[in-house]
């Protein structure tokens, strides 16, 4: 694998140089990505499952108020025997096998999450859908300036924009755009890349992301 070269654009959408993206994050081939689609799918499903509240509940016959008295005597009426008007076959009775509160989260090892993110980022890089943008926004947020910087790169496509925690004015500038999902670099995940047609980093966010993912492990 070879390092990937990404284009950098300025606040007007003009070319402003390039940056080298490490191959171990952005350089997997289309064949490698295709072979790991099940991994990406599993991680995305696990992430969506973990986001479910799981607070749904229905009442069983023991939870529905009333029904303590036997509706009619056991024999002699000609009707079917009944023990409670809150039995499941009765209108306003309890629910059989209804949903109960539960935890939907799935165990997903950190290495699986990291690998899935690398493969999906490589997929976007192979398609030329990862960019680095210098918004040129300093002291005051400006949605107009952010649109001018983003439109030449993503047009009207949906994009995940990655910021550092210090890029607060840039984040404020794009948060109201309907085709943009702003996210901080330490929150970047597989789902937000899968659902975006483009992934755009600020220069600072790209450097921080690469540094965090390539820093040597302590022994």
N, C-alpha and C. Protein backbone atom coordinates (compact mmCIF):
# COMPACT_ATOMS: atom_id res chain seq x y z
N UNK A 1 0.84 -1.20 0.00
CA UNK A 1 0.00 0.00 0.00
C UNK A 1 0.88 1.25 0.00
N UNK A 2 0.39 2.26 -0.69
CA UNK A 2 1.09 3.54 -0.73
C UNK A 2 0.24 4.61 -0.08
N UNK A 3 0.91 5.62 0.42
CA UNK A 3 0.17 6.74 1.00
C UNK A 3 -0.76 7.37 -0.02
N UNK A 4 -1.85 7.94 0.48
CA UNK A 4 -2.84 8.58 -0.38
C UNK A 4 -2.65 10.09 -0.32
N UNK A 5 -2.72 10.73 -1.47
CA UNK A 5 -2.60 12.18 -1.52
C UNK A 5 -3.99 12.79 -1.59
N UNK A 6 -4.29 13.67 -0.63
CA UNK A 6 -5.58 14.34 -0.58
C UNK A 6 -5.42 15.81 -0.92
N UNK A 7 -6.39 16.34 -1.66
CA UNK A 7 -6.34 17.76 -2.04
C UNK A 7 -6.80 18.63 -0.88
N UNK A 8 -6.16 19.78 -0.75
CA UNK A 8 -6.55 20.79 0.22
C UNK A 8 -7.11 21.98 -0.54
N UNK A 9 -8.28 22.46 -0.12
CA UNK A 9 -8.87 23.64 -0.75
C UNK A 9 -8.99 24.77 0.27
N UNK A 10 -9.03 26.00 -0.24
CA UNK A 10 -9.10 27.15 0.66
C UNK A 10 -10.55 27.61 0.84
N UNK A 11 -10.71 28.80 1.42
CA UNK A 11 -12.03 29.31 1.76
C UNK A 11 -12.88 29.60 0.53
N UNK A 12 -12.25 29.70 -0.65
CA UNK A 12 -12.99 29.96 -1.89
C UNK A 12 -13.14 28.71 -2.75
N UNK A 13 -12.70 27.58 -2.20
CA UNK A 13 -12.81 26.34 -2.95
C UNK A 13 -11.68 26.12 -3.94
N UNK A 14 -10.65 26.95 -3.88
CA UNK A 14 -9.52 26.82 -4.79
C UNK A 14 -8.46 25.88 -4.21
N UNK A 15 -7.72 25.23 -5.08
CA UNK A 15 -6.68 24.31 -4.64
C UNK A 15 -5.64 25.05 -3.83
N UNK A 16 -5.28 24.46 -2.69
CA UNK A 16 -4.30 25.10 -1.80
C UNK A 16 -3.26 24.09 -1.35
N UNK A 17 -2.95 23.13 -2.22
CA UNK A 17 -1.93 22.15 -1.89
C UNK A 17 -2.50 20.76 -1.66
N UNK A 18 -1.68 19.91 -1.11
CA UNK A 18 -2.08 18.53 -0.84
C UNK A 18 -1.53 18.10 0.51
N UNK A 19 -2.08 17.01 1.04
CA UNK A 19 -1.54 16.39 2.26
C UNK A 19 -1.43 14.90 2.02
N UNK A 20 -0.49 14.30 2.71
CA UNK A 20 -0.29 12.85 2.61
C UNK A 20 -1.12 12.15 3.69
N UNK A 21 -1.95 11.22 3.25
CA UNK A 21 -2.75 10.42 4.18
C UNK A 21 -2.13 9.04 4.31
N UNK A 22 -1.89 8.57 5.52
CA UNK A 22 -1.20 7.28 5.69
C UNK A 22 -1.98 6.12 5.08
N UNK A 23 -1.24 5.22 4.46
CA UNK A 23 -1.87 4.10 3.77
C UNK A 23 -2.59 3.17 4.72
N UNK A 24 -2.11 3.07 5.96
CA UNK A 24 -2.74 2.14 6.90
C UNK A 24 -4.12 2.60 7.36
N UNK A 25 -4.49 3.83 7.01
CA UNK A 25 -5.83 4.34 7.34
C UNK A 25 -6.67 4.57 6.09
N UNK A 26 -6.05 5.13 5.04
CA UNK A 26 -6.79 5.53 3.86
C UNK A 26 -6.40 4.75 2.60
N UNK A 27 -5.49 3.79 2.71
CA UNK A 27 -4.92 3.21 1.50
C UNK A 27 -5.33 1.80 1.13
N UNK A 28 -6.37 1.25 1.75
CA UNK A 28 -6.80 -0.10 1.38
C UNK A 28 -7.46 -0.09 0.01
N UNK A 29 -7.21 -1.14 -0.75
CA UNK A 29 -7.75 -1.22 -2.11
C UNK A 29 -9.24 -1.51 -2.10
N UNK A 30 -9.87 -1.31 -3.25
CA UNK A 30 -11.30 -1.57 -3.37
C UNK A 30 -11.61 -3.04 -3.10
N UNK A 31 -10.68 -3.93 -3.48
CA UNK A 31 -10.88 -5.35 -3.24
C UNK A 31 -10.86 -5.66 -1.75
N UNK A 32 -9.94 -5.02 -1.02
CA UNK A 32 -9.88 -5.22 0.43
C UNK A 32 -11.16 -4.71 1.10
N UNK A 33 -11.62 -3.55 0.66
CA UNK A 33 -12.84 -2.99 1.23
C UNK A 33 -14.02 -3.91 0.97
N UNK A 34 -14.11 -4.41 -0.28
CA UNK A 34 -15.22 -5.30 -0.64
C UNK A 34 -15.21 -6.56 0.21
N UNK A 35 -14.02 -7.06 0.51
CA UNK A 35 -13.92 -8.29 1.30
C UNK A 35 -14.32 -8.06 2.76
N UNK A 36 -14.31 -6.82 3.20
CA UNK A 36 -14.60 -6.53 4.60
C UNK A 36 -15.94 -5.81 4.79
N UNK A 37 -16.79 -5.87 3.79
CA UNK A 37 -18.13 -5.29 3.95
C UNK A 37 -18.89 -5.93 5.11
N UNK A 38 -18.82 -7.26 5.31
CA UNK A 38 -19.51 -7.83 6.49
C UNK A 38 -19.03 -7.24 7.81
N UNK A 39 -17.75 -6.93 7.92
CA UNK A 39 -17.22 -6.31 9.14
C UNK A 39 -17.82 -4.92 9.32
N UNK A 40 -17.83 -4.14 8.25
CA UNK A 40 -18.41 -2.79 8.32
C UNK A 40 -19.87 -2.87 8.70
N UNK A 41 -20.58 -3.80 8.10
CA UNK A 41 -22.01 -3.96 8.39
C UNK A 41 -22.24 -4.31 9.85
N UNK A 42 -21.43 -5.23 10.37
CA UNK A 42 -21.59 -5.65 11.77
C UNK A 42 -21.36 -4.48 12.73
N UNK A 43 -20.35 -3.68 12.45
CA UNK A 43 -20.05 -2.54 13.33
C UNK A 43 -21.16 -1.50 13.26
N UNK A 44 -21.69 -1.24 12.06
CA UNK A 44 -22.78 -0.26 11.93
C UNK A 44 -24.03 -0.76 12.64
N UNK A 45 -24.37 -2.03 12.48
CA UNK A 45 -25.55 -2.59 13.15
C UNK A 45 -25.39 -2.50 14.66
N UNK A 46 -24.19 -2.80 15.15
CA UNK A 46 -23.94 -2.73 16.60
C UNK A 46 -24.07 -1.30 17.11
N UNK A 47 -23.61 -0.34 16.32
CA UNK A 47 -23.70 1.05 16.74
C UNK A 47 -25.15 1.52 16.79
N UNK A 48 -25.94 1.13 15.79
CA UNK A 48 -27.35 1.50 15.79
C UNK A 48 -28.10 0.80 16.92
N UNK A 49 -27.72 -0.45 17.20
CA UNK A 49 -28.36 -1.18 18.29
C UNK A 49 -28.07 -0.52 19.63
N UNK A 50 -26.84 -0.06 19.81
CA UNK A 50 -26.45 0.57 21.08
C UNK A 50 -27.19 1.89 21.29
N UNK A 51 -27.64 2.51 20.19
CA UNK A 51 -28.35 3.79 20.31
C UNK A 51 -29.82 3.61 20.69
N UNK A 52 -30.32 2.39 20.66
CA UNK A 52 -31.73 2.16 21.00
C UNK A 52 -31.92 2.27 22.51
N UNK A 53 -33.00 2.92 22.91
CA UNK A 53 -33.26 3.09 24.34
C UNK A 53 -33.70 1.79 24.99
N UNK A 54 -34.48 1.00 24.30
CA UNK A 54 -34.96 -0.26 24.86
C UNK A 54 -35.93 -0.08 26.00
N UNK A 55 -36.67 1.04 26.01
CA UNK A 55 -37.60 1.30 27.11
C UNK A 55 -39.03 0.90 26.78
N UNK A 56 -39.23 0.23 25.64
CA UNK A 56 -40.57 -0.20 25.25
C UNK A 56 -41.11 -1.23 26.24
N UNK A 57 -42.41 -1.25 26.46
CA UNK A 57 -42.99 -2.20 27.40
C UNK A 57 -44.48 -2.34 27.13
N UNK A 58 -45.00 -3.54 27.34
CA UNK A 58 -46.44 -3.78 27.32
C UNK A 58 -46.82 -4.44 28.64
N UNK A 59 -48.10 -4.38 28.96
CA UNK A 59 -48.57 -4.95 30.22
C UNK A 59 -49.02 -6.39 30.02
N UNK A 60 -48.53 -7.27 30.87
CA UNK A 60 -49.03 -8.64 30.90
C UNK A 60 -50.35 -8.65 31.67
N UNK A 61 -51.01 -9.80 31.70
CA UNK A 61 -52.31 -9.86 32.37
C UNK A 61 -52.19 -9.54 33.86
N UNK A 62 -51.02 -9.77 34.44
CA UNK A 62 -50.83 -9.46 35.84
C UNK A 62 -50.63 -7.98 36.11
N UNK A 63 -50.31 -7.22 35.06
CA UNK A 63 -50.05 -5.80 35.23
C UNK A 63 -51.28 -4.93 34.96
N UNK A 64 -52.27 -5.48 34.25
CA UNK A 64 -53.46 -4.69 33.91
C UNK A 64 -54.37 -4.64 35.13
N UNK A 65 -54.82 -3.43 35.46
CA UNK A 65 -55.66 -3.29 36.65
C UNK A 65 -57.03 -3.93 36.42
N UNK A 66 -57.62 -4.43 37.48
CA UNK A 66 -58.93 -5.08 37.39
C UNK A 66 -58.79 -6.55 37.09
N UNK A 67 -59.92 -7.19 36.93
CA UNK A 67 -59.90 -8.60 36.54
C UNK A 67 -59.72 -9.56 37.68
N UNK A 68 -59.84 -9.11 38.92
CA UNK A 68 -59.66 -10.01 40.04
C UNK A 68 -60.85 -10.95 40.27
N UNK A 69 -61.98 -10.55 39.76
CA UNK A 69 -63.19 -11.37 39.97
C UNK A 69 -63.44 -12.26 38.75
N UNK A 70 -63.82 -13.48 38.99
CA UNK A 70 -64.16 -14.38 37.90
C UNK A 70 -65.43 -13.86 37.21
N UNK A 71 -65.40 -13.68 35.85
CA UNK A 71 -66.53 -13.06 35.16
C UNK A 71 -67.86 -13.77 35.39
N UNK A 72 -67.87 -15.09 35.34
CA UNK A 72 -69.07 -15.88 35.62
C UNK A 72 -68.65 -17.24 36.15
N UNK A 73 -69.59 -17.95 36.66
CA UNK A 73 -69.24 -19.22 37.28
C UNK A 73 -68.69 -20.19 36.25
N UNK A 74 -67.98 -21.18 36.75
CA UNK A 74 -67.25 -22.10 35.87
C UNK A 74 -68.19 -22.91 35.00
N UNK A 75 -69.29 -23.38 35.56
CA UNK A 75 -70.16 -24.30 34.82
C UNK A 75 -71.60 -23.79 34.80
N UNK A 76 -72.32 -24.28 33.84
CA UNK A 76 -73.76 -24.07 33.83
C UNK A 76 -74.25 -22.90 32.99
N UNK A 77 -73.35 -22.06 32.46
CA UNK A 77 -73.82 -20.90 31.68
C UNK A 77 -73.89 -21.19 30.19
N UNK A 78 -73.24 -22.24 29.75
CA UNK A 78 -73.17 -22.52 28.32
C UNK A 78 -72.07 -21.76 27.61
N UNK A 79 -71.41 -20.89 28.31
CA UNK A 79 -70.31 -20.14 27.70
C UNK A 79 -68.96 -20.75 28.10
N UNK A 80 -67.95 -20.34 27.36
CA UNK A 80 -66.62 -20.86 27.66
C UNK A 80 -66.18 -20.38 29.04
N UNK A 81 -65.44 -21.21 29.71
CA UNK A 81 -64.97 -20.85 31.05
C UNK A 81 -63.97 -19.69 30.95
N UNK A 82 -64.07 -18.75 31.88
CA UNK A 82 -63.18 -17.60 31.92
C UNK A 82 -62.76 -17.35 33.36
N UNK A 83 -61.51 -16.96 33.54
CA UNK A 83 -61.02 -16.70 34.88
C UNK A 83 -60.84 -15.23 35.19
N UNK A 84 -60.66 -14.40 34.13
CA UNK A 84 -60.41 -12.98 34.37
C UNK A 84 -60.73 -12.20 33.10
N UNK A 85 -61.26 -11.00 33.26
CA UNK A 85 -61.52 -10.15 32.09
C UNK A 85 -60.23 -9.49 31.60
N UNK A 86 -59.13 -9.71 32.29
CA UNK A 86 -57.84 -9.17 31.84
C UNK A 86 -56.97 -10.25 31.20
N UNK A 87 -57.54 -11.42 30.92
CA UNK A 87 -56.81 -12.46 30.19
C UNK A 87 -56.56 -11.98 28.76
N UNK A 88 -55.54 -12.47 28.09
CA UNK A 88 -55.15 -11.93 26.78
C UNK A 88 -56.25 -11.97 25.72
N UNK A 89 -57.18 -12.93 25.79
CA UNK A 89 -58.19 -13.00 24.75
C UNK A 89 -59.30 -11.97 24.93
N UNK A 90 -59.28 -11.23 26.03
CA UNK A 90 -60.30 -10.22 26.27
C UNK A 90 -59.84 -8.85 25.76
N UNK A 91 -60.82 -8.07 25.30
CA UNK A 91 -60.56 -6.68 24.96
C UNK A 91 -60.11 -5.95 26.21
N UNK A 92 -59.03 -5.19 26.11
CA UNK A 92 -58.38 -4.52 27.23
C UNK A 92 -57.68 -5.51 28.16
N UNK A 93 -57.46 -6.72 27.67
CA UNK A 93 -56.71 -7.69 28.46
C UNK A 93 -55.21 -7.49 28.31
N UNK A 94 -54.45 -8.33 28.97
CA UNK A 94 -52.99 -8.23 28.90
C UNK A 94 -52.44 -8.66 27.54
N UNK A 95 -51.18 -8.34 27.30
CA UNK A 95 -50.51 -8.70 26.05
C UNK A 95 -49.61 -9.90 26.27
N UNK A 96 -49.68 -10.85 25.34
CA UNK A 96 -48.84 -12.05 25.42
C UNK A 96 -47.56 -11.82 24.63
N UNK A 97 -46.43 -12.09 25.24
CA UNK A 97 -45.12 -12.00 24.58
C UNK A 97 -44.86 -10.62 23.97
N UNK A 98 -45.37 -9.58 24.58
CA UNK A 98 -45.10 -8.22 24.11
C UNK A 98 -43.69 -7.78 24.46
N UNK A 99 -43.22 -6.68 23.87
CA UNK A 99 -41.87 -6.19 24.17
C UNK A 99 -41.74 -5.75 25.62
N UNK A 100 -40.60 -6.01 26.20
CA UNK A 100 -40.28 -5.61 27.56
C UNK A 100 -38.95 -4.86 27.54
N UNK A 101 -38.70 -4.00 28.52
CA UNK A 101 -37.42 -3.27 28.55
C UNK A 101 -36.23 -4.22 28.44
N UNK A 102 -35.28 -3.84 27.58
CA UNK A 102 -34.11 -4.69 27.38
C UNK A 102 -32.95 -3.83 26.87
N UNK A 103 -31.77 -4.38 26.95
CA UNK A 103 -30.56 -3.72 26.47
C UNK A 103 -30.22 -4.30 25.10
N UNK A 104 -30.21 -3.46 24.07
CA UNK A 104 -29.95 -3.93 22.71
C UNK A 104 -28.47 -3.91 22.34
N UNK A 105 -27.63 -3.36 23.20
CA UNK A 105 -26.23 -3.19 22.83
C UNK A 105 -25.54 -4.52 22.57
N UNK A 106 -24.62 -4.49 21.63
CA UNK A 106 -23.85 -5.67 21.27
C UNK A 106 -22.38 -5.44 21.61
N UNK A 107 -21.71 -6.50 21.97
CA UNK A 107 -20.28 -6.37 22.28
C UNK A 107 -19.51 -6.27 20.96
N UNK A 108 -18.80 -5.17 20.79
CA UNK A 108 -17.99 -4.99 19.59
C UNK A 108 -16.57 -4.63 20.01
N UNK A 109 -15.60 -5.49 19.79
CA UNK A 109 -14.22 -5.19 20.19
C UNK A 109 -13.70 -3.91 19.54
N UNK A 110 -12.83 -3.20 20.24
CA UNK A 110 -12.28 -1.95 19.74
C UNK A 110 -11.53 -2.15 18.42
N UNK A 111 -10.88 -3.28 18.28
CA UNK A 111 -10.12 -3.52 17.04
C UNK A 111 -11.05 -3.66 15.84
N UNK A 112 -12.23 -4.22 16.06
CA UNK A 112 -13.21 -4.31 14.98
C UNK A 112 -13.69 -2.93 14.57
N UNK A 113 -13.98 -2.09 15.54
CA UNK A 113 -14.44 -0.72 15.25
C UNK A 113 -13.36 0.05 14.48
N UNK A 114 -12.13 -0.07 14.94
CA UNK A 114 -11.03 0.64 14.29
C UNK A 114 -10.82 0.15 12.86
N UNK A 115 -10.90 -1.17 12.67
CA UNK A 115 -10.70 -1.73 11.33
C UNK A 115 -11.82 -1.29 10.39
N UNK A 116 -13.05 -1.33 10.86
CA UNK A 116 -14.18 -0.92 10.02
C UNK A 116 -14.04 0.53 9.59
N UNK A 117 -13.60 1.40 10.50
CA UNK A 117 -13.42 2.81 10.17
C UNK A 117 -12.33 2.98 9.11
N UNK A 118 -11.25 2.22 9.23
CA UNK A 118 -10.17 2.31 8.23
C UNK A 118 -10.66 1.89 6.85
N UNK A 119 -11.43 0.80 6.79
CA UNK A 119 -11.89 0.31 5.49
C UNK A 119 -12.88 1.26 4.83
N UNK A 120 -13.79 1.83 5.62
CA UNK A 120 -14.78 2.72 5.00
C UNK A 120 -14.14 4.06 4.62
N UNK A 121 -13.14 4.52 5.38
CA UNK A 121 -12.41 5.72 4.97
C UNK A 121 -11.63 5.46 3.69
N UNK A 122 -11.06 4.28 3.57
CA UNK A 122 -10.35 3.93 2.33
C UNK A 122 -11.30 3.89 1.15
N UNK A 123 -12.52 3.39 1.39
CA UNK A 123 -13.52 3.35 0.33
C UNK A 123 -13.84 4.76 -0.16
N UNK A 124 -14.02 5.69 0.77
CA UNK A 124 -14.31 7.07 0.37
C UNK A 124 -13.10 7.70 -0.32
N UNK A 125 -11.89 7.37 0.14
CA UNK A 125 -10.69 7.90 -0.48
C UNK A 125 -10.52 7.36 -1.90
N UNK A 126 -10.82 6.08 -2.09
CA UNK A 126 -10.73 5.48 -3.43
C UNK A 126 -11.68 6.15 -4.40
N UNK A 127 -12.81 6.63 -3.89
CA UNK A 127 -13.80 7.29 -4.74
C UNK A 127 -13.54 8.79 -4.87
N UNK A 128 -12.46 9.28 -4.25
CA UNK A 128 -12.17 10.71 -4.30
C UNK A 128 -13.14 11.55 -3.51
N UNK A 129 -13.67 10.98 -2.44
CA UNK A 129 -14.70 11.67 -1.65
C UNK A 129 -14.23 12.02 -0.24
N UNK A 130 -12.92 12.18 -0.08
CA UNK A 130 -12.37 12.72 1.16
C UNK A 130 -11.59 13.97 0.81
N UNK A 131 -11.86 15.04 1.54
CA UNK A 131 -11.21 16.31 1.25
C UNK A 131 -10.78 16.99 2.53
N UNK A 132 -9.82 17.88 2.38
CA UNK A 132 -9.36 18.72 3.49
C UNK A 132 -9.63 20.16 3.10
N UNK A 133 -10.37 20.88 3.95
CA UNK A 133 -10.79 22.24 3.61
C UNK A 133 -10.30 23.22 4.68
N UNK A 134 -9.73 24.31 4.23
CA UNK A 134 -9.38 25.41 5.13
C UNK A 134 -10.50 26.44 5.02
N UNK A 135 -11.37 26.49 6.01
CA UNK A 135 -12.54 27.36 5.95
C UNK A 135 -12.19 28.84 6.02
N UNK A 136 -11.04 29.17 6.57
CA UNK A 136 -10.65 30.57 6.66
C UNK A 136 -11.49 31.37 7.63
N UNK A 137 -12.17 30.69 8.55
CA UNK A 137 -13.02 31.36 9.54
C UNK A 137 -12.20 31.50 10.83
N UNK A 138 -12.15 32.71 11.35
CA UNK A 138 -11.32 32.93 12.53
C UNK A 138 -12.15 33.31 13.75
N UNK A 139 -12.50 34.60 13.87
CA UNK A 139 -13.11 35.07 15.11
C UNK A 139 -14.63 34.97 15.14
N UNK A 140 -15.26 35.05 13.97
CA UNK A 140 -16.72 35.11 13.92
C UNK A 140 -17.27 34.00 13.04
N UNK A 141 -18.26 33.24 13.52
CA UNK A 141 -18.88 32.20 12.67
C UNK A 141 -19.54 32.84 11.45
N UNK A 142 -19.49 32.14 10.32
CA UNK A 142 -20.10 32.65 9.09
C UNK A 142 -20.59 31.48 8.25
N UNK A 143 -21.89 31.32 8.20
CA UNK A 143 -22.46 30.26 7.37
C UNK A 143 -22.19 30.53 5.90
N UNK A 144 -22.24 31.80 5.49
CA UNK A 144 -21.98 32.15 4.10
C UNK A 144 -20.56 31.74 3.69
N UNK A 145 -19.60 31.98 4.57
CA UNK A 145 -18.21 31.62 4.27
C UNK A 145 -18.05 30.10 4.20
N UNK A 146 -18.74 29.38 5.09
CA UNK A 146 -18.62 27.92 5.07
C UNK A 146 -19.24 27.33 3.80
N UNK A 147 -20.35 27.91 3.34
CA UNK A 147 -20.97 27.44 2.09
C UNK A 147 -20.03 27.68 0.92
N UNK A 148 -19.39 28.85 0.90
CA UNK A 148 -18.45 29.17 -0.18
C UNK A 148 -17.27 28.21 -0.20
N UNK A 149 -16.85 27.75 0.98
CA UNK A 149 -15.72 26.82 1.06
C UNK A 149 -16.13 25.39 0.71
N UNK A 150 -17.37 25.01 1.07
CA UNK A 150 -17.80 23.62 0.89
C UNK A 150 -18.39 23.33 -0.49
N UNK A 151 -19.13 24.27 -1.06
CA UNK A 151 -19.85 23.99 -2.31
C UNK A 151 -18.96 23.49 -3.44
N UNK A 152 -17.77 24.08 -3.66
CA UNK A 152 -16.93 23.56 -4.73
C UNK A 152 -16.45 22.12 -4.49
N UNK A 153 -16.50 21.70 -3.23
CA UNK A 153 -15.99 20.36 -2.89
C UNK A 153 -17.09 19.31 -2.91
N UNK A 154 -18.23 19.62 -2.26
CA UNK A 154 -19.27 18.61 -2.09
C UNK A 154 -20.54 18.91 -2.88
N UNK A 155 -20.61 20.09 -3.49
CA UNK A 155 -21.82 20.49 -4.23
C UNK A 155 -23.01 20.42 -3.29
N UNK A 156 -24.06 19.68 -3.68
CA UNK A 156 -25.23 19.56 -2.80
C UNK A 156 -25.30 18.18 -2.15
N UNK A 157 -24.19 17.44 -2.18
CA UNK A 157 -24.15 16.09 -1.60
C UNK A 157 -24.08 16.17 -0.07
N UNK A 158 -24.52 15.08 0.57
CA UNK A 158 -24.47 15.03 2.03
C UNK A 158 -23.05 14.72 2.49
N UNK A 159 -22.59 15.45 3.50
CA UNK A 159 -21.20 15.30 3.93
C UNK A 159 -21.10 15.31 5.45
N UNK A 160 -20.17 14.52 5.95
CA UNK A 160 -19.77 14.59 7.35
C UNK A 160 -18.54 15.49 7.43
N UNK A 161 -18.65 16.54 8.23
CA UNK A 161 -17.55 17.50 8.37
C UNK A 161 -16.89 17.28 9.72
N UNK A 162 -15.58 17.10 9.72
CA UNK A 162 -14.85 16.74 10.93
C UNK A 162 -14.04 17.94 11.43
N UNK A 163 -14.26 18.29 12.71
CA UNK A 163 -13.58 19.43 13.32
C UNK A 163 -12.81 18.98 14.56
N UNK A 164 -11.88 19.82 14.97
CA UNK A 164 -11.30 19.65 16.29
C UNK A 164 -12.16 20.42 17.29
N UNK A 165 -11.91 20.20 18.56
CA UNK A 165 -12.67 20.92 19.58
C UNK A 165 -12.35 22.41 19.55
N UNK A 166 -11.23 22.79 18.96
CA UNK A 166 -10.87 24.20 18.87
C UNK A 166 -11.53 24.88 17.67
N UNK A 167 -12.04 24.10 16.72
CA UNK A 167 -12.70 24.66 15.53
C UNK A 167 -14.14 25.04 15.81
N UNK A 168 -14.40 25.68 16.94
CA UNK A 168 -15.78 25.91 17.35
C UNK A 168 -16.50 26.87 16.40
N UNK A 169 -15.80 27.90 15.89
CA UNK A 169 -16.45 28.84 14.98
C UNK A 169 -16.78 28.19 13.64
N UNK A 170 -15.93 27.30 13.17
CA UNK A 170 -16.23 26.56 11.95
C UNK A 170 -17.43 25.64 12.16
N UNK A 171 -17.47 25.00 13.34
CA UNK A 171 -18.60 24.12 13.66
C UNK A 171 -19.90 24.91 13.71
N UNK A 172 -19.88 26.07 14.33
CA UNK A 172 -21.07 26.92 14.40
C UNK A 172 -21.49 27.39 13.01
N UNK A 173 -20.53 27.51 12.10
CA UNK A 173 -20.83 28.02 10.77
C UNK A 173 -21.57 27.01 9.89
N UNK A 174 -21.40 25.72 10.16
CA UNK A 174 -22.01 24.71 9.28
C UNK A 174 -23.17 23.96 9.92
N UNK A 175 -23.42 24.18 11.21
CA UNK A 175 -24.36 23.33 11.92
C UNK A 175 -25.79 23.43 11.38
N UNK A 176 -26.15 24.56 10.73
CA UNK A 176 -27.50 24.73 10.22
C UNK A 176 -27.66 24.31 8.76
N UNK A 177 -26.59 23.87 8.13
CA UNK A 177 -26.69 23.46 6.72
C UNK A 177 -27.39 22.10 6.65
N UNK A 178 -28.40 21.96 5.79
CA UNK A 178 -29.19 20.72 5.78
C UNK A 178 -28.45 19.50 5.26
N UNK A 179 -27.41 19.71 4.47
CA UNK A 179 -26.69 18.58 3.88
C UNK A 179 -25.35 18.30 4.56
N UNK A 180 -25.24 18.76 5.82
CA UNK A 180 -23.97 18.63 6.54
C UNK A 180 -24.21 18.03 7.91
N UNK A 181 -23.34 17.09 8.28
CA UNK A 181 -23.36 16.56 9.65
C UNK A 181 -22.02 16.89 10.29
N UNK A 182 -21.98 17.89 11.19
CA UNK A 182 -20.72 18.24 11.84
C UNK A 182 -20.40 17.29 12.98
N UNK A 183 -19.14 16.96 13.13
CA UNK A 183 -18.73 16.03 14.18
C UNK A 183 -17.30 16.37 14.58
N UNK A 184 -16.98 16.13 15.85
CA UNK A 184 -15.62 16.37 16.31
C UNK A 184 -14.75 15.15 16.00
N UNK A 185 -13.47 15.40 15.87
CA UNK A 185 -12.56 14.37 15.36
C UNK A 185 -12.51 13.15 16.28
N UNK A 186 -12.66 13.36 17.59
CA UNK A 186 -12.62 12.22 18.49
C UNK A 186 -13.93 11.44 18.51
N UNK A 187 -14.93 11.91 17.75
CA UNK A 187 -16.21 11.21 17.66
C UNK A 187 -16.39 10.49 16.31
N UNK A 188 -15.46 10.65 15.40
CA UNK A 188 -15.62 10.08 14.06
C UNK A 188 -15.79 8.57 14.15
N UNK A 189 -16.80 8.05 13.47
CA UNK A 189 -17.14 6.64 13.57
C UNK A 189 -17.59 6.11 12.23
N UNK A 190 -17.70 4.78 12.14
CA UNK A 190 -18.03 4.13 10.88
C UNK A 190 -19.39 4.55 10.35
N UNK A 191 -20.38 4.64 11.21
CA UNK A 191 -21.73 4.98 10.76
C UNK A 191 -21.78 6.35 10.09
N UNK A 192 -21.11 7.34 10.68
CA UNK A 192 -21.16 8.69 10.12
C UNK A 192 -20.37 8.80 8.82
N UNK A 193 -19.48 7.86 8.55
CA UNK A 193 -18.81 7.83 7.26
C UNK A 193 -19.66 7.07 6.24
N UNK A 194 -20.27 5.97 6.67
CA UNK A 194 -21.11 5.18 5.77
C UNK A 194 -22.28 6.01 5.23
N UNK A 195 -22.88 6.81 6.09
CA UNK A 195 -24.08 7.57 5.69
C UNK A 195 -23.75 8.84 4.92
N UNK A 196 -22.48 9.20 4.82
CA UNK A 196 -22.09 10.42 4.12
C UNK A 196 -21.51 10.10 2.76
N UNK A 197 -21.82 10.95 1.79
CA UNK A 197 -21.23 10.78 0.47
C UNK A 197 -19.82 11.37 0.43
N UNK A 198 -19.59 12.38 1.24
CA UNK A 198 -18.26 12.99 1.35
C UNK A 198 -17.87 13.07 2.82
N UNK A 199 -16.57 12.99 3.06
CA UNK A 199 -16.01 13.25 4.39
C UNK A 199 -15.01 14.39 4.24
N UNK A 200 -15.27 15.47 4.96
CA UNK A 200 -14.43 16.66 4.86
C UNK A 200 -13.78 16.93 6.21
N UNK A 201 -12.46 17.07 6.21
CA UNK A 201 -11.71 17.40 7.42
C UNK A 201 -11.25 18.86 7.34
N UNK A 202 -11.24 19.53 8.48
CA UNK A 202 -10.45 20.76 8.54
C UNK A 202 -8.98 20.34 8.62
N UNK A 203 -8.09 21.26 8.32
CA UNK A 203 -6.66 20.90 8.36
C UNK A 203 -6.25 20.43 9.74
N UNK A 204 -6.74 21.12 10.76
CA UNK A 204 -6.40 20.76 12.13
C UNK A 204 -6.98 19.39 12.50
N UNK A 205 -8.21 19.13 12.06
CA UNK A 205 -8.85 17.86 12.38
C UNK A 205 -8.15 16.71 11.69
N UNK A 206 -7.71 16.92 10.45
CA UNK A 206 -7.01 15.86 9.74
C UNK A 206 -5.70 15.52 10.43
N UNK A 207 -4.96 16.54 10.82
CA UNK A 207 -3.69 16.30 11.51
C UNK A 207 -3.91 15.59 12.84
N UNK A 208 -4.95 16.01 13.58
CA UNK A 208 -5.24 15.38 14.87
C UNK A 208 -5.68 13.93 14.68
N UNK A 209 -6.48 13.67 13.65
CA UNK A 209 -6.96 12.31 13.40
C UNK A 209 -5.80 11.38 13.04
N UNK A 210 -4.97 11.82 12.14
CA UNK A 210 -3.83 11.01 11.72
C UNK A 210 -2.88 10.78 12.89
N UNK A 211 -2.63 11.81 13.71
CA UNK A 211 -1.74 11.66 14.85
C UNK A 211 -2.30 10.66 15.85
N UNK A 212 -3.62 10.70 16.07
CA UNK A 212 -4.23 9.80 17.05
C UNK A 212 -4.21 8.36 16.57
N UNK A 213 -4.33 8.15 15.27
CA UNK A 213 -4.41 6.79 14.74
C UNK A 213 -3.07 6.17 14.40
N UNK A 214 -2.04 6.97 14.35
CA UNK A 214 -0.72 6.45 13.96
C UNK A 214 0.31 6.56 15.07
N UNK A 215 -0.07 7.14 16.21
CA UNK A 215 0.92 7.30 17.29
C UNK A 215 1.38 5.92 17.77
N UNK A 216 2.68 5.78 18.06
CA UNK A 216 3.19 4.47 18.48
C UNK A 216 2.60 4.02 19.81
N UNK A 217 2.37 2.72 19.91
CA UNK A 217 1.84 2.15 21.14
C UNK A 217 2.92 2.01 22.19
N UNK A 218 2.56 2.35 23.42
CA UNK A 218 3.53 2.21 24.51
C UNK A 218 3.69 0.75 24.88
N UNK A 219 4.91 0.38 25.19
CA UNK A 219 5.18 -1.03 25.53
C UNK A 219 4.67 -1.31 26.94
